[in-house]
């Protein structure tokens, strides 16, 4: 589900679309699209939301990036209390 940068909160899980260039022998060069899971770690006013990718790297979520919400932190909290 796409969202806006203003709706993200720490603890949210998102997928970010990355386009990777890969040289290919048979078909020439190709672009591969991959969704990479990230956990939002910081959302401070005046900055881009900061997320930790599955491989541990940090990235800013910028307006030009394609991303989708996987899980909202506030929706998971009641389930953990039950």
PDB file of N, CA and C in Angstrom:
ATOM      1  N   UNK A   1       0.846  -1.168   0.000  1.00  0.00           N
ATOM      2  CA  UNK A   1       0.000   0.000   0.000  1.00  0.00           C
ATOM      3  C   UNK A   1       0.893   1.233   0.000  1.00  0.00           C
ATOM      4  N   UNK A   2       0.786   2.088  -1.013  1.00  0.00           N
ATOM      5  CA  UNK A   2       1.591   3.301  -1.012  1.00  0.00           C
ATOM      6  C   UNK A   2       1.115   4.249   0.072  1.00  0.00           C
ATOM      7  N   UNK A   3       1.998   5.103   0.509  1.00  0.00           N
ATOM      8  CA  UNK A   3       1.643   6.093   1.514  1.00  0.00           C
ATOM      9  C   UNK A   3       2.383   7.374   1.234  1.00  0.00           C
ATOM     10  N   UNK A   4       2.287   8.299   2.165  1.00  0.00           N
ATOM     11  CA  UNK A   4       3.043   9.534   2.038  1.00  0.00           C
ATOM     12  C   UNK A   4       4.107   9.561   3.118  1.00  0.00           C
ATOM     13  N   UNK A   5       5.133  10.339   2.880  1.00  0.00           N
ATOM     14  CA  UNK A   5       6.219  10.425   3.850  1.00  0.00           C
ATOM     15  C   UNK A   5       5.717  10.932   5.196  1.00  0.00           C
ATOM     16  N   UNK A   6       4.662  11.744   5.189  1.00  0.00           N
ATOM     17  CA  UNK A   6       4.136  12.305   6.436  1.00  0.00           C
ATOM     18  C   UNK A   6       3.434  11.269   7.301  1.00  0.00           C
ATOM     19  N   UNK A   7       3.051  10.134   6.737  1.00  0.00           N
ATOM     20  CA  UNK A   7       2.327   9.123   7.504  1.00  0.00           C
ATOM     21  C   UNK A   7       3.251   8.083   8.132  1.00  0.00           C
ATOM     22  N   UNK A   8       4.531   8.107   7.791  1.00  0.00           N
ATOM     23  CA  UNK A   8       5.461   7.114   8.348  1.00  0.00           C
ATOM     24  C   UNK A   8       5.781   7.415   9.802  1.00  0.00           C
ATOM     25  N   UNK A   9       5.975   6.353  10.568  1.00  0.00           N
ATOM     26  CA  UNK A   9       6.344   6.453  11.978  1.00  0.00           C
ATOM     27  C   UNK A   9       7.446   5.451  12.272  1.00  0.00           C
ATOM     28  N   UNK A  10       8.278   5.725  13.289  1.00  0.00           N
ATOM     29  CA  UNK A  10       9.284   4.728  13.673  1.00  0.00           C
ATOM     30  C   UNK A  10       8.612   3.394  13.992  1.00  0.00           C
ATOM     31  N   UNK A  11       9.213   2.332  13.511  1.00  0.00           N
ATOM     32  CA  UNK A  11       8.671   0.991  13.716  1.00  0.00           C
ATOM     33  C   UNK A  11       7.894   0.469  12.524  1.00  0.00           C
ATOM     34  N   UNK A  12       7.499   1.362  11.610  1.00  0.00           N
ATOM     35  CA  UNK A  12       6.805   0.911  10.405  1.00  0.00           C
ATOM     36  C   UNK A  12       7.749   0.083   9.542  1.00  0.00           C
ATOM     37  N   UNK A  13       7.191  -0.878   8.816  1.00  0.00           N
ATOM     38  CA  UNK A  13       7.959  -1.694   7.886  1.00  0.00           C
ATOM     39  C   UNK A  13       7.518  -1.305   6.480  1.00  0.00           C
ATOM     40  N   UNK A  14       8.481  -1.024   5.606  1.00  0.00           N
ATOM     41  CA  UNK A  14       8.192  -0.631   4.234  1.00  0.00           C
ATOM     42  C   UNK A  14       9.039  -1.466   3.282  1.00  0.00           C
ATOM     43  N   UNK A  15       8.598  -1.536   2.046  1.00  0.00           N
ATOM     44  CA  UNK A  15       9.396  -2.093   0.951  1.00  0.00           C
ATOM     45  C   UNK A  15       9.794  -0.922   0.068  1.00  0.00           C
ATOM     46  N   UNK A  16      11.061  -0.849  -0.313  1.00  0.00           N
ATOM     47  CA  UNK A  16      11.559   0.201  -1.189  1.00  0.00           C
ATOM     48  C   UNK A  16      11.999  -0.457  -2.489  1.00  0.00           C
ATOM     49  N   UNK A  17      11.561   0.120  -3.616  1.00  0.00           N
ATOM     50  CA  UNK A  17      11.911  -0.420  -4.921  1.00  0.00           C
ATOM     51  C   UNK A  17      13.261   0.126  -5.364  1.00  0.00           C
ATOM     52  N   UNK A  18      14.191  -0.785  -5.632  1.00  0.00           N
ATOM     53  CA  UNK A  18      15.507  -0.405  -6.148  1.00  0.00           C
ATOM     54  C   UNK A  18      15.650  -0.956  -7.551  1.00  0.00           C
ATOM     55  N   UNK A  19      16.223  -0.155  -8.419  1.00  0.00           N
ATOM     56  CA  UNK A  19      16.517  -0.587  -9.789  1.00  0.00           C
ATOM     57  C   UNK A  19      18.025  -0.749  -9.886  1.00  0.00           C
ATOM     58  N   UNK A  20      18.447  -1.954 -10.203  1.00  0.00           N
ATOM     59  CA  UNK A  20      19.859  -2.294 -10.243  1.00  0.00           C
ATOM     60  C   UNK A  20      20.282  -2.604 -11.667  1.00  0.00           C
ATOM     61  N   UNK A  21      21.394  -2.062 -12.073  1.00  0.00           N
ATOM     62  CA  UNK A  21      21.947  -2.349 -13.390  1.00  0.00           C
ATOM     63  C   UNK A  21      22.814  -3.579 -13.275  1.00  0.00           C
ATOM     64  N   UNK A  22      22.644  -4.500 -14.210  1.00  0.00           N
ATOM     65  CA  UNK A  22      23.446  -5.722 -14.217  1.00  0.00           C
ATOM     66  C   UNK A  22      23.882  -5.997 -15.649  1.00  0.00           C
ATOM     67  N   UNK A  23      25.193  -6.105 -15.855  1.00  0.00           N
ATOM     68  CA  UNK A  23      25.655  -6.449 -17.204  1.00  0.00           C
ATOM     69  C   UNK A  23      25.300  -7.900 -17.501  1.00  0.00           C
ATOM     70  N   UNK A  24      24.803  -8.136 -18.689  1.00  0.00           N
ATOM     71  CA  UNK A  24      24.442  -9.490 -19.080  1.00  0.00           C
ATOM     72  C   UNK A  24      25.182  -9.885 -20.345  1.00  0.00           C
ATOM     73  N   UNK A  25      25.568 -11.123 -20.404  1.00  0.00           N
ATOM     74  CA  UNK A  25      26.326 -11.584 -21.568  1.00  0.00           C
ATOM     75  C   UNK A  25      25.408 -11.908 -22.743  1.00  0.00           C
ATOM     76  N   UNK A  26      24.337 -12.644 -22.485  1.00  0.00           N
ATOM     77  CA  UNK A  26      23.479 -13.112 -23.573  1.00  0.00           C
ATOM     78  C   UNK A  26      22.589 -12.001 -24.128  1.00  0.00           C
ATOM     79  N   UNK A  27      21.985 -11.215 -23.251  1.00  0.00           N
ATOM     80  CA  UNK A  27      21.021 -10.213 -23.699  1.00  0.00           C
ATOM     81  C   UNK A  27      21.555  -8.791 -23.577  1.00  0.00           C
ATOM     82  N   UNK A  28      22.791  -8.612 -23.269  1.00  0.00           N
ATOM     83  CA  UNK A  28      23.318  -7.264 -23.060  1.00  0.00           C
ATOM     84  C   UNK A  28      22.995  -6.779 -21.654  1.00  0.00           C
ATOM     85  N   UNK A  29      23.105  -5.492 -21.454  1.00  0.00           N
ATOM     86  CA  UNK A  29      22.841  -4.927 -20.139  1.00  0.00           C
ATOM     87  C   UNK A  29      21.350  -4.974 -19.821  1.00  0.00           C
ATOM     88  N   UNK A  30      21.028  -5.136 -18.543  1.00  0.00           N
ATOM     89  CA  UNK A  30      19.637  -5.161 -18.137  1.00  0.00           C
ATOM     90  C   UNK A  30      19.466  -4.469 -16.787  1.00  0.00           C
ATOM     91  N   UNK A  31      18.272  -3.994 -16.561  1.00  0.00           N
ATOM     92  CA  UNK A  31      17.919  -3.376 -15.286  1.00  0.00           C
ATOM     93  C   UNK A  31      16.999  -4.330 -14.552  1.00  0.00           C
ATOM     94  N   UNK A  32      17.325  -4.587 -13.293  1.00  0.00           N
ATOM     95  CA  UNK A  32      16.540  -5.496 -12.465  1.00  0.00           C
ATOM     96  C   UNK A  32      15.876  -4.680 -11.370  1.00  0.00           C
ATOM     97  N   UNK A  33      14.606  -4.905 -11.140  1.00  0.00           N
ATOM     98  CA  UNK A  33      13.902  -4.239 -10.055  1.00  0.00           C
ATOM     99  C   UNK A  33      13.761  -5.198  -8.884  1.00  0.00           C
ATOM    100  N   UNK A  34      14.085  -4.692  -7.672  1.00  0.00           N
ATOM    101  CA  UNK A  34      13.983  -5.502  -6.455  1.00  0.00           C
ATOM    102  C   UNK A  34      13.319  -4.688  -5.371  1.00  0.00           C
ATOM    103  N   UNK A  35      12.389  -5.305  -4.656  1.00  0.00           N
ATOM    104  CA  UNK A  35      11.807  -4.693  -3.472  1.00  0.00           C
ATOM    105  C   UNK A  35      12.664  -5.108  -2.277  1.00  0.00           C
ATOM    106  N   UNK A  36      13.113  -4.143  -1.510  1.00  0.00           N
ATOM    107  CA  UNK A  36      13.948  -4.421  -0.345  1.00  0.00           C
ATOM    108  C   UNK A  36      13.211  -3.936   0.900  1.00  0.00           C
ATOM    109  N   UNK A  37      13.081  -4.797   1.891  1.00  0.00           N
ATOM    110  CA  UNK A  37      12.373  -4.472   3.126  1.00  0.00           C
ATOM    111  C   UNK A  37      13.233  -3.582   4.013  1.00  0.00           C
ATOM    112  N   UNK A  38      12.583  -2.612   4.645  1.00  0.00           N
ATOM    113  CA  UNK A  38      13.281  -1.694   5.550  1.00  0.00           C
ATOM    114  C   UNK A  38      12.372  -1.368   6.731  1.00  0.00           C
ATOM    115  N   UNK A  39      13.002  -1.089   7.878  1.00  0.00           N
ATOM    116  CA  UNK A  39      12.281  -0.688   9.083  1.00  0.00           C
ATOM    117  C   UNK A  39      12.550   0.797   9.327  1.00  0.00           C
ATOM    118  N   UNK A  40      11.500   1.579   9.468  1.00  0.00           N
ATOM    119  CA  UNK A  40      11.644   3.012   9.719  1.00  0.00           C
ATOM    120  C   UNK A  40      12.174   3.191  11.142  1.00  0.00           C
ATOM    121  N   UNK A  41      13.267   3.948  11.275  1.00  0.00           N
ATOM    122  CA  UNK A  41      13.877   4.134  12.590  1.00  0.00           C
ATOM    123  C   UNK A  41      13.750   5.562  13.108  1.00  0.00           C
ATOM    124  N   UNK A  42      13.516   6.529  12.213  1.00  0.00           N
ATOM    125  CA  UNK A  42      13.434   7.920  12.656  1.00  0.00           C
ATOM    126  C   UNK A  42      12.578   8.729  11.689  1.00  0.00           C
ATOM    127  N   UNK A  43      11.728   9.576  12.265  1.00  0.00           N
ATOM    128  CA  UNK A  43      10.895  10.492  11.479  1.00  0.00           C
ATOM    129  C   UNK A  43      10.862  11.831  12.211  1.00  0.00           C
ATOM    130  N   UNK A  44      11.866  12.641  11.975  1.00  0.00           N
ATOM    131  CA  UNK A  44      11.940  13.934  12.635  1.00  0.00           C
ATOM    132  C   UNK A  44      11.524  15.029  11.673  1.00  0.00           C
ATOM    133  N   UNK A  45      10.818  16.015  12.186  1.00  0.00           N
ATOM    134  CA  UNK A  45      10.348  17.110  11.350  1.00  0.00           C
ATOM    135  C   UNK A  45      11.537  17.820  10.706  1.00  0.00           C
ATOM    136  N   UNK A  46      11.391  18.134   9.422  1.00  0.00           N
ATOM    137  CA  UNK A  46      12.439  18.831   8.691  1.00  0.00           C
ATOM    138  C   UNK A  46      13.487  17.912   8.079  1.00  0.00           C
ATOM    139  N   UNK A  47      13.334  16.601   8.251  1.00  0.00           N
ATOM    140  CA  UNK A  47      14.272  15.634   7.658  1.00  0.00           C
ATOM    141  C   UNK A  47      13.475  14.554   6.939  1.00  0.00           C
ATOM    142  N   UNK A  48      14.150  13.791   6.091  1.00  0.00           N
ATOM    143  CA  UNK A  48      13.508  12.649   5.435  1.00  0.00           C
ATOM    144  C   UNK A  48      13.441  11.504   6.435  1.00  0.00           C
ATOM    145  N   UNK A  49      12.399  10.665   6.363  1.00  0.00           N
ATOM    146  CA  UNK A  49      12.361   9.485   7.232  1.00  0.00           C
ATOM    147  C   UNK A  49      13.600   8.613   6.992  1.00  0.00           C
ATOM    148  N   UNK A  50      14.140   8.077   8.058  1.00  0.00           N
ATOM    149  CA  UNK A  50      15.335   7.237   7.991  1.00  0.00           C
ATOM    150  C   UNK A  50      14.921   5.792   8.238  1.00  0.00           C
ATOM    151  N   UNK A  51      15.395   4.887   7.374  1.00  0.00           N
ATOM    152  CA  UNK A  51      15.020   3.475   7.488  1.00  0.00           C
ATOM    153  C   UNK A  51      16.257   2.589   7.409  1.00  0.00           C
ATOM    154  N   UNK A  52      16.203   1.465   8.130  1.00  0.00           N
ATOM    155  CA  UNK A  52      17.278   0.473   8.092  1.00  0.00           C
ATOM    156  C   UNK A  52      16.867  -0.634   7.140  1.00  0.00           C
ATOM    157  N   UNK A  53      17.678  -0.821   6.087  1.00  0.00           N
ATOM    158  CA  UNK A  53      17.414  -1.864   5.104  1.00  0.00           C
ATOM    159  C   UNK A  53      17.689  -3.241   5.695  1.00  0.00           C
ATOM    160  N   UNK A  54      17.214  -4.256   5.037  1.00  0.00           N
ATOM    161  CA  UNK A  54      17.391  -5.634   5.509  1.00  0.00           C
ATOM    162  C   UNK A  54      18.860  -6.002   5.672  1.00  0.00           C
ATOM    163  N   UNK A  55      19.756  -5.380   4.873  1.00  0.00           N
ATOM    164  CA  UNK A  55      21.178  -5.699   4.993  1.00  0.00           C
ATOM    165  C   UNK A  55      21.888  -4.849   6.043  1.00  0.00           C
ATOM    166  N   UNK A  56      21.145  -4.006   6.774  1.00  0.00           N
ATOM    167  CA  UNK A  56      21.720  -3.215   7.858  1.00  0.00           C
ATOM    168  C   UNK A  56      22.067  -1.779   7.491  1.00  0.00           C
ATOM    169  N   UNK A  57      22.079  -1.454   6.220  1.00  0.00           N
ATOM    170  CA  UNK A  57      22.395  -0.090   5.806  1.00  0.00           C
ATOM    171  C   UNK A  57      21.233   0.839   6.127  1.00  0.00           C
ATOM    172  N   UNK A  58      21.563   2.114   6.379  1.00  0.00           N
ATOM    173  CA  UNK A  58      20.541   3.130   6.591  1.00  0.00           C
ATOM    174  C   UNK A  58      20.324   3.901   5.304  1.00  0.00           C
ATOM    175  N   UNK A  59      19.083   4.292   5.063  1.00  0.00           N
ATOM    176  CA  UNK A  59      18.759   5.087   3.885  1.00  0.00           C
ATOM    177  C   UNK A  59      17.667   6.079   4.238  1.00  0.00           C
ATOM    178  N   UNK A  60      17.699   7.227   3.594  1.00  0.00           N
ATOM    179  CA  UNK A  60      16.611   8.181   3.716  1.00  0.00           C
ATOM    180  C   UNK A  60      15.545   7.809   2.696  1.00  0.00           C
ATOM    181  N   UNK A  61      14.281   7.924   3.081  1.00  0.00           N
ATOM    182  CA  UNK A  61      13.190   7.687   2.152  1.00  0.00           C
ATOM    183  C   UNK A  61      12.837   9.037   1.549  1.00  0.00           C
ATOM    184  N   UNK A  62      13.140   9.200   0.272  1.00  0.00           N
ATOM    185  CA  UNK A  62      12.954  10.471  -0.426  1.00  0.00           C
ATOM    186  C   UNK A  62      11.664  10.454  -1.243  1.00  0.00           C
ATOM    187  N   UNK A  63      11.121  11.642  -1.553  1.00  0.00           N
ATOM    188  CA  UNK A  63       9.859  11.705  -2.300  1.00  0.00           C
ATOM    189  C   UNK A  63       9.897  11.034  -3.668  1.00  0.00           C
ATOM    190  N   UNK A  64      11.042  10.989  -4.323  1.00  0.00           N
ATOM    191  CA  UNK A  64      11.124  10.391  -5.661  1.00  0.00           C
ATOM    192  C   UNK A  64      11.204   8.865  -5.623  1.00  0.00           C
ATOM    193  N   UNK A  65      11.398   8.285  -4.449  1.00  0.00           N
ATOM    194  CA  UNK A  65      11.534   6.829  -4.341  1.00  0.00           C
ATOM    195  C   UNK A  65      10.167   6.149  -4.391  1.00  0.00           C
ATOM    196  N   UNK A  66      10.144   4.963  -4.979  1.00  0.00           N
ATOM    197  CA  UNK A  66       8.934   4.152  -4.986  1.00  0.00           C
ATOM    198  C   UNK A  66       8.994   3.230  -3.770  1.00  0.00           C
ATOM    199  N   UNK A  67       7.977   3.312  -2.928  1.00  0.00           N
ATOM    200  CA  UNK A  67       7.943   2.474  -1.731  1.00  0.00           C
ATOM    201  C   UNK A  67       6.487   2.163  -1.386  1.00  0.00           C
ATOM    202  N   UNK A  68       6.320   1.140  -0.554  1.00  0.00           N
ATOM    203  CA  UNK A  68       4.981   0.757  -0.111  1.00  0.00           C
ATOM    204  C   UNK A  68       5.046   0.325   1.346  1.00  0.00           C
ATOM    205  N   UNK A  69       3.970   0.578   2.061  1.00  0.00           N
ATOM    206  CA  UNK A  69       3.890   0.188   3.467  1.00  0.00           C
ATOM    207  C   UNK A  69       3.574  -1.294   3.564  1.00  0.00           C
ATOM    208  N   UNK A  70       4.332  -2.006   4.366  1.00  0.00           N
ATOM    209  CA  UNK A  70       4.080  -3.436   4.604  1.00  0.00           C
ATOM    210  C   UNK A  70       3.304  -3.606   5.903  1.00  0.00           C
ATOM    211  N   UNK A  71       3.735  -2.898   6.947  1.00  0.00           N
ATOM    212  CA  UNK A  71       3.135  -3.055   8.264  1.00  0.00           C
ATOM    213  C   UNK A  71       3.292  -1.758   9.051  1.00  0.00           C
ATOM    214  N   UNK A  72       2.216  -1.317   9.683  1.00  0.00           N
ATOM    215  CA  UNK A  72       2.255  -0.103  10.499  1.00  0.00           C
ATOM    216  C   UNK A  72       2.534  -0.485  11.947  1.00  0.00           C
ATOM    217  N   UNK A  73       3.435   0.225  12.596  1.00  0.00           N
ATOM    218  CA  UNK A  73       3.801  -0.088  13.986  1.00  0.00           C
ATOM    219  C   UNK A  73       2.606   0.018  14.908  1.00  0.00           C
ATOM    220  N   UNK A  74       1.790   1.048  14.749  1.00  0.00           N
ATOM    221  CA  UNK A  74       0.652   1.235  15.668  1.00  0.00           C
ATOM    222  C   UNK A  74      -0.403   0.152  15.525  1.00  0.00           C
ATOM    223  N   UNK A  75      -0.458  -0.512  14.366  1.00  0.00           N
ATOM    224  CA  UNK A  75      -1.418  -1.598  14.173  1.00  0.00           C
ATOM    225  C   UNK A  75      -0.923  -2.903  14.777  1.00  0.00           C
ATOM    226  N   UNK A  76       0.384  -3.045  14.957  1.00  0.00           N
ATOM    227  CA  UNK A  76       0.949  -4.271  15.541  1.00  0.00           C
ATOM    228  C   UNK A  76       0.925  -4.251  17.058  1.00  0.00           C
ATOM    229  N   UNK A  77       0.950  -3.105  17.703  1.00  0.00           N
ATOM    230  CA  UNK A  77       1.047  -3.016  19.151  1.00  0.00           C
ATOM    231  C   UNK A  77      -0.129  -3.694  19.850  1.00  0.00           C
ATOM    232  N   UNK A  78      -1.388  -3.441  19.485  1.00  0.00           N
ATOM    233  CA  UNK A  78      -2.488  -4.135  20.174  1.00  0.00           C
ATOM    234  C   UNK A  78      -2.418  -5.649  20.024  1.00  0.00           C
ATOM    235  N   UNK A  79      -1.954  -6.130  18.885  1.00  0.00           N
ATOM    236  CA  UNK A  79      -1.866  -7.580  18.676  1.00  0.00           C
ATOM    237  C   UNK A  79      -0.857  -8.207  19.623  1.00  0.00           C
ATOM    238  N   UNK A  80       0.217  -7.470  19.963  1.00  0.00           N
ATOM    239  CA  UNK A  80       1.223  -8.014  20.867  1.00  0.00           C
ATOM    240  C   UNK A  80       0.717  -8.036  22.303  1.00  0.00           C
ATOM    241  N   UNK A  81      -0.191  -7.134  22.655  1.00  0.00           N
ATOM    242  CA  UNK A  81      -0.703  -7.073  24.026  1.00  0.00           C
ATOM    243  C   UNK A  81      -1.730  -8.165  24.299  1.00  0.00           C
ATOM    244  N   UNK A  82      -2.360  -8.669  23.265  1.00  0.00           N
ATOM    245  CA  UNK A  82      -3.420  -9.681  23.440  1.00  0.00           C
ATOM    246  C   UNK A  82      -2.874 -11.029  23.798  1.00  0.00           C
TER     247      UNK A  82
END
